[in-house]
Amino acid sequence: MAYLSRMDRPRHCVRAGCGAPAAATLGYNYASRLVWLDSLDEEQVPGEQDLCALHADRVTVPIGWALEERRTPIIQLRSLAV
């Protein structure tokens, strides 16, 4: 029987009851009152959380904190076929 390594397992949103595929990584630094959203890291980083696109888009931060959007935008290319 083959087992999936930790890196081979699909990652999912950490929000309770969600279970959607992870699309972004949320990190934070209490000392600087900073929260950031990155494109999904290749490997899970301790202290950071995976979120689906919906929950990542809805992140809010406490008053006095800053949210830094660092996700790489996905540019949709239209078909040039006539």
PDB file of N, CA and C in Angstrom:
ATOM      1  N   MET A   1       0.847  -1.171   0.000  1.00  0.00           N
ATOM      2  CA  MET A   1       0.000   0.000   0.000  1.00  0.00           C
ATOM      3  C   MET A   1       0.899   1.243   0.000  1.00  0.00           C
ATOM      4  N   ALA A   2       0.612   2.155  -0.904  1.00  0.00           N
ATOM      5  CA  ALA A   2       1.409   3.376  -1.003  1.00  0.00           C
ATOM      6  C   ALA A   2       0.803   4.458  -0.108  1.00  0.00           C
ATOM      7  N   TYR A   3       1.651   5.155   0.568  1.00  0.00           N
ATOM      8  CA  TYR A   3       1.211   6.240   1.433  1.00  0.00           C
ATOM      9  C   TYR A   3       1.635   7.563   0.819  1.00  0.00           C
ATOM     10  N   LEU A   4       0.799   8.559   0.969  1.00  0.00           N
ATOM     11  CA  LEU A   4       1.141   9.882   0.483  1.00  0.00           C
ATOM     12  C   LEU A   4       2.025  10.564   1.520  1.00  0.00           C
ATOM     13  N   SER A   5       3.102  11.147   1.053  1.00  0.00           N
ATOM     14  CA  SER A   5       3.926  11.909   1.981  1.00  0.00           C
ATOM     15  C   SER A   5       3.203  13.203   2.307  1.00  0.00           C
ATOM     16  N   ARG A   6       3.667  13.892   3.301  1.00  0.00           N
ATOM     17  CA  ARG A   6       3.049  15.157   3.716  1.00  0.00           C
ATOM     18  C   ARG A   6       3.018  16.152   2.564  1.00  0.00           C
ATOM     19  N   MET A   7       4.049  16.144   1.720  1.00  0.00           N
ATOM     20  CA  MET A   7       4.123  17.091   0.606  1.00  0.00           C
ATOM     21  C   MET A   7       3.186  16.701  -0.532  1.00  0.00           C
ATOM     22  N   ASP A   8       2.792  15.426  -0.639  1.00  0.00           N
ATOM     23  CA  ASP A   8       1.937  14.967  -1.732  1.00  0.00           C
ATOM     24  C   ASP A   8       0.458  15.167  -1.437  1.00  0.00           C
ATOM     25  N   ARG A   9       0.109  15.395  -0.193  1.00  0.00           N
ATOM     26  CA  ARG A   9      -1.297  15.558   0.170  1.00  0.00           C
ATOM     27  C   ARG A   9      -1.814  16.902  -0.305  1.00  0.00           C
ATOM     28  N   PRO A  10      -3.026  16.907  -0.862  1.00  0.00           N
ATOM     29  CA  PRO A  10      -3.601  18.202  -1.240  1.00  0.00           C
ATOM     30  C   PRO A  10      -3.858  19.031   0.014  1.00  0.00           C
ATOM     31  N   ARG A  11      -3.679  20.325  -0.101  1.00  0.00           N
ATOM     32  CA  ARG A  11      -3.889  21.213   1.046  1.00  0.00           C
ATOM     33  C   ARG A  11      -5.246  21.870   0.927  1.00  0.00           C
ATOM     34  N   HIS A  12      -5.881  22.073   2.082  1.00  0.00           N
ATOM     35  CA  HIS A  12      -7.232  22.609   2.122  1.00  0.00           C
ATOM     36  C   HIS A  12      -7.290  23.819   3.038  1.00  0.00           C
ATOM     37  N   CYS A  13      -8.351  24.588   2.875  1.00  0.00           N
ATOM     38  CA  CYS A  13      -8.604  25.767   3.698  1.00  0.00           C
ATOM     39  C   CYS A  13      -8.730  25.361   5.167  1.00  0.00           C
ATOM     40  N   VAL A  14      -8.131  26.160   6.038  1.00  0.00           N
ATOM     41  CA  VAL A  14      -8.165  25.860   7.475  1.00  0.00           C
ATOM     42  C   VAL A  14      -9.441  26.336   8.157  1.00  0.00           C
ATOM     43  N   ARG A  15     -10.270  27.110   7.467  1.00  0.00           N
ATOM     44  CA  ARG A  15     -11.512  27.596   8.082  1.00  0.00           C
ATOM     45  C   ARG A  15     -12.422  26.412   8.391  1.00  0.00           C
ATOM     46  N   ALA A  16     -12.970  26.397   9.575  1.00  0.00           N
ATOM     47  CA  ALA A  16     -13.826  25.302  10.031  1.00  0.00           C
ATOM     48  C   ALA A  16     -14.982  25.083   9.056  1.00  0.00           C
ATOM     49  N   GLY A  17     -15.162  23.843   8.645  1.00  0.00           N
ATOM     50  CA  GLY A  17     -16.271  23.473   7.781  1.00  0.00           C
ATOM     51  C   GLY A  17     -16.076  23.804   6.320  1.00  0.00           C
ATOM     52  N   CYS A  18     -14.941  24.343   5.926  1.00  0.00           N
ATOM     53  CA  CYS A  18     -14.752  24.741   4.529  1.00  0.00           C
ATOM     54  C   CYS A  18     -14.268  23.553   3.693  1.00  0.00           C
ATOM     55  N   GLY A  19     -13.029  23.189   3.815  1.00  0.00           N
ATOM     56  CA  GLY A  19     -12.496  22.046   3.078  1.00  0.00           C
ATOM     57  C   GLY A  19     -12.196  22.304   1.613  1.00  0.00           C
ATOM     58  N   ALA A  20     -12.361  23.539   1.134  1.00  0.00           N
ATOM     59  CA  ALA A  20     -12.045  23.861  -0.259  1.00  0.00           C
ATOM     60  C   ALA A  20     -10.531  23.821  -0.460  1.00  0.00           C
ATOM     61  N   PRO A  21     -10.084  23.628  -1.688  1.00  0.00           N
ATOM     62  CA  PRO A  21      -8.645  23.609  -1.938  1.00  0.00           C
ATOM     63  C   PRO A  21      -7.993  24.935  -1.529  1.00  0.00           C
ATOM     64  N   ALA A  22      -6.824  24.843  -0.942  1.00  0.00           N
ATOM     65  CA  ALA A  22      -6.095  26.041  -0.522  1.00  0.00           C
ATOM     66  C   ALA A  22      -5.619  26.808  -1.746  1.00  0.00           C
ATOM     67  N   ALA A  23      -5.682  28.146  -1.653  1.00  0.00           N
ATOM     68  CA  ALA A  23      -5.266  29.005  -2.762  1.00  0.00           C
ATOM     69  C   ALA A  23      -4.320  30.109  -2.304  1.00  0.00           C
ATOM     70  N   ALA A  24      -4.209  30.325  -1.005  1.00  0.00           N
ATOM     71  CA  ALA A  24      -3.371  31.397  -0.485  1.00  0.00           C
ATOM     72  C   ALA A  24      -2.823  31.001   0.881  1.00  0.00           C
ATOM     73  N   THR A  25      -1.748  31.653   1.267  1.00  0.00           N
ATOM     74  CA  THR A  25      -1.150  31.436   2.574  1.00  0.00           C
ATOM     75  C   THR A  25      -1.233  32.739   3.366  1.00  0.00           C
ATOM     76  N   LEU A  26      -1.762  32.659   4.577  1.00  0.00           N
ATOM     77  CA  LEU A  26      -1.895  33.813   5.451  1.00  0.00           C
ATOM     78  C   LEU A  26      -0.823  33.734   6.531  1.00  0.00           C
ATOM     79  N   GLY A  27      -0.125  34.824   6.708  1.00  0.00           N
ATOM     80  CA  GLY A  27       0.875  34.913   7.759  1.00  0.00           C
ATOM     81  C   GLY A  27       0.671  36.193   8.537  1.00  0.00           C
ATOM     82  N   TYR A  28       1.310  36.302   9.688  1.00  0.00           N
ATOM     83  CA  TYR A  28       1.137  37.498  10.506  1.00  0.00           C
ATOM     84  C   TYR A  28       2.333  37.682  11.425  1.00  0.00           C
ATOM     85  N   ASN A  29       2.506  38.938  11.861  1.00  0.00           N
ATOM     86  CA  ASN A  29       3.558  39.286  12.795  1.00  0.00           C
ATOM     87  C   ASN A  29       2.940  40.204  13.841  1.00  0.00           C
ATOM     88  N   TYR A  30       2.805  39.693  15.057  1.00  0.00           N
ATOM     89  CA  TYR A  30       2.182  40.475  16.122  1.00  0.00           C
ATOM     90  C   TYR A  30       2.951  41.748  16.434  1.00  0.00           C
ATOM     91  N   ALA A  31       4.270  41.670  16.476  1.00  0.00           N
ATOM     92  CA  ALA A  31       5.081  42.823  16.866  1.00  0.00           C
ATOM     93  C   ALA A  31       4.871  44.016  15.930  1.00  0.00           C
ATOM     94  N   SER A  32       4.733  43.742  14.638  1.00  0.00           N
ATOM     95  CA  SER A  32       4.555  44.841  13.679  1.00  0.00           C
ATOM     96  C   SER A  32       3.096  45.050  13.288  1.00  0.00           C
ATOM     97  N   ARG A  33       2.197  44.266  13.897  1.00  0.00           N
ATOM     98  CA  ARG A  33       0.760  44.366  13.591  1.00  0.00           C
ATOM     99  C   ARG A  33       0.505  44.264  12.094  1.00  0.00           C
ATOM    100  N   LEU A  34       1.093  43.241  11.499  1.00  0.00           N
ATOM    101  CA  LEU A  34       1.008  43.050  10.060  1.00  0.00           C
ATOM    102  C   LEU A  34       0.473  41.659   9.738  1.00  0.00           C
ATOM    103  N   VAL A  35      -0.473  41.614   8.816  1.00  0.00           N
ATOM    104  CA  VAL A  35      -0.998  40.366   8.275  1.00  0.00           C
ATOM    105  C   VAL A  35      -0.724  40.401   6.787  1.00  0.00           C
ATOM    106  N   TRP A  36      -0.318  39.271   6.221  1.00  0.00           N
ATOM    107  CA  TRP A  36      -0.075  39.243   4.788  1.00  0.00           C
ATOM    108  C   TRP A  36      -0.700  38.013   4.154  1.00  0.00           C
ATOM    109  N   LEU A  37      -1.033  38.164   2.895  1.00  0.00           N
ATOM    110  CA  LEU A  37      -1.555  37.067   2.085  1.00  0.00           C
ATOM    111  C   LEU A  37      -0.597  36.853   0.925  1.00  0.00           C
ATOM    112  N   ASP A  38      -0.068  35.650   0.818  1.00  0.00           N
ATOM    113  CA  ASP A  38       0.808  35.270  -0.287  1.00  0.00           C
ATOM    114  C   ASP A  38       0.092  34.253  -1.157  1.00  0.00           C
ATOM    115  N   SER A  39       0.550  34.115  -2.393  1.00  0.00           N
ATOM    116  CA  SER A  39       0.113  32.981  -3.193  1.00  0.00           C
ATOM    117  C   SER A  39       0.487  31.734  -2.403  1.00  0.00           C
ATOM    118  N   LEU A  40      -0.210  30.661  -2.617  1.00  0.00           N
ATOM    119  CA  LEU A  40       0.012  29.442  -1.831  1.00  0.00           C
ATOM    120  C   LEU A  40       1.478  29.033  -1.884  1.00  0.00           C
ATOM    121  N   ASP A  41       2.102  28.948  -0.711  1.00  0.00           N
ATOM    122  CA  ASP A  41       3.489  28.491  -0.629  1.00  0.00           C
ATOM    123  C   ASP A  41       3.572  27.039  -1.065  1.00  0.00           C
ATOM    124  N   GLU A  42       4.705  26.666  -1.659  1.00  0.00           N
ATOM    125  CA  GLU A  42       4.868  25.281  -2.099  1.00  0.00           C
ATOM    126  C   GLU A  42       4.825  24.325  -0.921  1.00  0.00           C
ATOM    127  N   GLU A  43       5.406  24.721   0.186  1.00  0.00           N
ATOM    128  CA  GLU A  43       5.393  23.883   1.382  1.00  0.00           C
ATOM    129  C   GLU A  43       4.717  24.643   2.504  1.00  0.00           C
ATOM    130  N   GLN A  44       4.049  23.901   3.372  1.00  0.00           N
ATOM    131  CA  GLN A  44       3.408  24.524   4.523  1.00  0.00           C
ATOM    132  C   GLN A  44       4.469  25.039   5.479  1.00  0.00           C
ATOM    133  N   VAL A  45       4.263  26.258   5.951  1.00  0.00           N
ATOM    134  CA  VAL A  45       5.203  26.899   6.861  1.00  0.00           C
ATOM    135  C   VAL A  45       4.557  26.938   8.246  1.00  0.00           C
ATOM    136  N   PRO A  46       5.265  26.478   9.281  1.00  0.00           N
ATOM    137  CA  PRO A  46       4.693  26.544  10.631  1.00  0.00           C
ATOM    138  C   PRO A  46       4.309  27.980  10.979  1.00  0.00           C
ATOM    139  N   GLY A  47       3.136  28.157  11.555  1.00  0.00           N
ATOM    140  CA  GLY A  47       2.672  29.465  11.957  1.00  0.00           C
ATOM    141  C   GLY A  47       1.893  30.198  10.881  1.00  0.00           C
ATOM    142  N   GLU A  48       1.881  29.670   9.661  1.00  0.00           N
ATOM    143  CA  GLU A  48       1.096  30.273   8.587  1.00  0.00           C
ATOM    144  C   GLU A  48      -0.070  29.344   8.273  1.00  0.00           C
ATOM    145  N   GLN A  49      -1.120  29.909   7.704  1.00  0.00           N
ATOM    146  CA  GLN A  49      -2.346  29.147   7.477  1.00  0.00           C
ATOM    147  C   GLN A  49      -2.747  29.183   6.010  1.00  0.00           C
ATOM    148  N   ASP A  50      -3.261  28.066   5.526  1.00  0.00           N
ATOM    149  CA  ASP A  50      -3.751  27.977   4.161  1.00  0.00           C
ATOM    150  C   ASP A  50      -5.221  28.356   4.119  1.00  0.00           C
ATOM    151  N   LEU A  51      -5.590  29.159   3.130  1.00  0.00           N
ATOM    152  CA  LEU A  51      -6.982  29.561   2.942  1.00  0.00           C
ATOM    153  C   LEU A  51      -7.392  29.321   1.498  1.00  0.00           C
ATOM    154  N   CYS A  52      -8.674  29.056   1.290  1.00  0.00           N
ATOM    155  CA  CYS A  52      -9.207  28.976  -0.067  1.00  0.00           C
ATOM    156  C   CYS A  52      -9.313  30.404  -0.610  1.00  0.00           C
ATOM    157  N   ALA A  53      -9.573  30.540  -1.893  1.00  0.00           N
ATOM    158  CA  ALA A  53      -9.656  31.872  -2.512  1.00  0.00           C
ATOM    159  C   ALA A  53     -10.757  32.709  -1.868  1.00  0.00           C
ATOM    160  N   LEU A  54     -11.914  32.106  -1.601  1.00  0.00           N
ATOM    161  CA  LEU A  54     -13.030  32.845  -1.016  1.00  0.00           C
ATOM    162  C   LEU A  54     -12.666  33.427   0.347  1.00  0.00           C
ATOM    163  N   HIS A  55     -12.116  32.600   1.227  1.00  0.00           N
ATOM    164  CA  HIS A  55     -11.770  33.078   2.563  1.00  0.00           C
ATOM    165  C   HIS A  55     -10.579  34.037   2.529  1.00  0.00           C
ATOM    166  N   ALA A  56      -9.642  33.835   1.627  1.00  0.00           N
ATOM    167  CA  ALA A  56      -8.523  34.772   1.500  1.00  0.00           C
ATOM    168  C   ALA A  56      -9.022  36.149   1.069  1.00  0.00           C
ATOM    169  N   ASP A  57      -9.987  36.177   0.153  1.00  0.00           N
ATOM    170  CA  ASP A  57     -10.537  37.454  -0.312  1.00  0.00           C
ATOM    171  C   ASP A  57     -11.329  38.173   0.770  1.00  0.00           C
ATOM    172  N   ARG A  58     -11.766  37.463   1.800  1.00  0.00           N
ATOM    173  CA  ARG A  58     -12.586  38.049   2.861  1.00  0.00           C
ATOM    174  C   ARG A  58     -11.818  38.371   4.137  1.00  0.00           C
ATOM    175  N   VAL A  59     -10.498  38.213   4.115  1.00  0.00           N
ATOM    176  CA  VAL A  59      -9.699  38.470   5.313  1.00  0.00           C
ATOM    177  C   VAL A  59      -9.823  39.941   5.718  1.00  0.00           C
ATOM    178  N   THR A  60     -10.078  40.155   6.984  1.00  0.00           N
ATOM    179  CA  THR A  60     -10.056  41.499   7.564  1.00  0.00           C
ATOM    180  C   THR A  60      -9.104  41.458   8.759  1.00  0.00           C
ATOM    181  N   VAL A  61      -8.589  42.613   9.109  1.00  0.00           N
ATOM    182  CA  VAL A  61      -7.637  42.669  10.214  1.00  0.00           C
ATOM    183  C   VAL A  61      -8.168  43.614  11.283  1.00  0.00           C
ATOM    184  N   PRO A  62      -7.705  43.465  12.518  1.00  0.00           N
ATOM    185  CA  PRO A  62      -8.148  44.357  13.597  1.00  0.00           C
ATOM    186  C   PRO A  62      -7.734  45.806  13.333  1.00  0.00           C
ATOM    187  N   ILE A  63      -8.440  46.736  13.942  1.00  0.00           N
ATOM    188  CA  ILE A  63      -8.094  48.153  13.843  1.00  0.00           C
ATOM    189  C   ILE A  63      -6.664  48.334  14.344  1.00  0.00           C
ATOM    190  N   GLY A  64      -5.877  49.077  13.595  1.00  0.00           N
ATOM    191  CA  GLY A  64      -4.484  49.306  13.955  1.00  0.00           C
ATOM    192  C   GLY A  64      -3.520  48.343  13.289  1.00  0.00           C
ATOM    193  N   TRP A  65      -4.036  47.319  12.635  1.00  0.00           N
ATOM    194  CA  TRP A  65      -3.218  46.357  11.917  1.00  0.00           C
ATOM    195  C   TRP A  65      -3.265  46.693  10.425  1.00  0.00           C
ATOM    196  N   ALA A  66      -2.277  46.202   9.687  1.00  0.00           N
ATOM    197  CA  ALA A  66      -2.228  46.399   8.241  1.00  0.00           C
ATOM    198  C   ALA A  66      -2.316  45.045   7.541  1.00  0.00           C
ATOM    199  N   LEU A  67      -2.985  45.042   6.405  1.00  0.00           N
ATOM    200  CA  LEU A  67      -3.070  43.838   5.568  1.00  0.00           C
ATOM    201  C   LEU A  67      -2.265  44.095   4.312  1.00  0.00           C
ATOM    202  N   GLU A  68      -1.281  43.242   4.080  1.00  0.00           N
ATOM    203  CA  GLU A  68      -0.429  43.365   2.902  1.00  0.00           C
ATOM    204  C   GLU A  68      -0.813  42.267   1.911  1.00  0.00           C
ATOM    205  N   GLU A  69      -1.306  42.665   0.766  1.00  0.00           N
ATOM    206  CA  GLU A  69      -1.710  41.729  -0.281  1.00  0.00           C
ATOM    207  C   GLU A  69      -0.492  41.429  -1.153  1.00  0.00           C
ATOM    208  N   ARG A  70       0.010  40.210  -1.056  1.00  0.00           N
ATOM    209  CA  ARG A  70       1.220  39.851  -1.796  1.00  0.00           C
ATOM    210  C   ARG A  70       0.973  38.711  -2.779  1.00  0.00           C
ATOM    211  N   ARG A  71      -0.294  38.374  -3.000  1.00  0.00           N
ATOM    212  CA  ARG A  71      -0.593  37.303  -3.953  1.00  0.00           C
ATOM    213  C   ARG A  71      -0.297  37.760  -5.373  1.00  0.00           C
ATOM    214  N   THR A  72       0.220  36.851  -6.168  1.00  0.00           N
ATOM    215  CA  THR A  72       0.463  37.132  -7.575  1.00  0.00           C
ATOM    216  C   THR A  72      -0.872  37.080  -8.297  1.00  0.00           C
ATOM    217  N   PRO A  73      -1.226  38.170  -8.981  1.00  0.00           N
ATOM    218  CA  PRO A  73      -2.518  38.148  -9.675  1.00  0.00           C
ATOM    219  C   PRO A  73      -2.501  37.155 -10.833  1.00  0.00           C
ATOM    220  N   ILE A  74      -3.637  36.522 -11.046  1.00  0.00           N
ATOM    221  CA  ILE A  74      -3.794  35.613 -12.182  1.00  0.00           C
ATOM    222  C   ILE A  74      -4.474  36.400 -13.284  1.00  0.00           C
ATOM    223  N   ILE A  75      -3.795  36.531 -14.394  1.00  0.00           N
ATOM    224  CA  ILE A  75      -4.312  37.315 -15.502  1.00  0.00           C
ATOM    225  C   ILE A  75      -4.997  36.367 -16.477  1.00  0.00           C
ATOM    226  N   GLN A  76      -6.280  36.607 -16.717  1.00  0.00           N
ATOM    227  CA  GLN A  76      -7.035  35.785 -17.661  1.00  0.00           C
ATOM    228  C   GLN A  76      -6.773  36.290 -19.069  1.00  0.00           C
ATOM    229  N   LEU A  77      -6.354  35.409 -19.937  1.00  0.00           N
ATOM    230  CA  LEU A  77      -6.119  35.777 -21.318  1.00  0.00           C
ATOM    231  C   LEU A  77      -7.326  35.371 -22.148  1.00  0.00           C
ATOM    232  N   ARG A  78      -7.817  36.320 -22.904  1.00  0.00           N
ATOM    233  CA  ARG A  78      -8.944  35.997 -23.774  1.00  0.00           C
ATOM    234  C   ARG A  78      -8.434  35.296 -25.005  1.00  0.00           C
ATOM    235  N   SER A  79      -9.261  34.457 -25.551  1.00  0.00           N
ATOM    236  CA  SER A  79      -8.897  33.759 -26.781  1.00  0.00           C
ATOM    237  C   SER A  79      -8.841  34.771 -27.915  1.00  0.00           C
ATOM    238  N   LEU A  80      -7.820  34.674 -28.728  1.00  0.00           N
ATOM    239  CA  LEU A  80      -7.680  35.567 -29.865  1.00  0.00           C
ATOM    240  C   LEU A  80      -8.258  34.947 -31.131  1.00  0.00           C
ATOM    241  N   ALA A  81      -8.886  33.794 -30.997  1.00  0.00           N
ATOM    242  CA  ALA A  81      -9.474  33.124 -32.168  1.00  0.00           C
ATOM    243  C   ALA A  81     -10.625  33.965 -32.697  1.00  0.00           C
ATOM    244  N   VAL A  82     -10.721  34.049 -33.993  1.00  0.00           N
ATOM    245  CA  VAL A  82     -11.767  34.859 -34.635  1.00  0.00           C
ATOM    246  C   VAL A  82     -12.936  33.982 -35.010  1.00  0.00           C
TER     247      VAL A  82
END
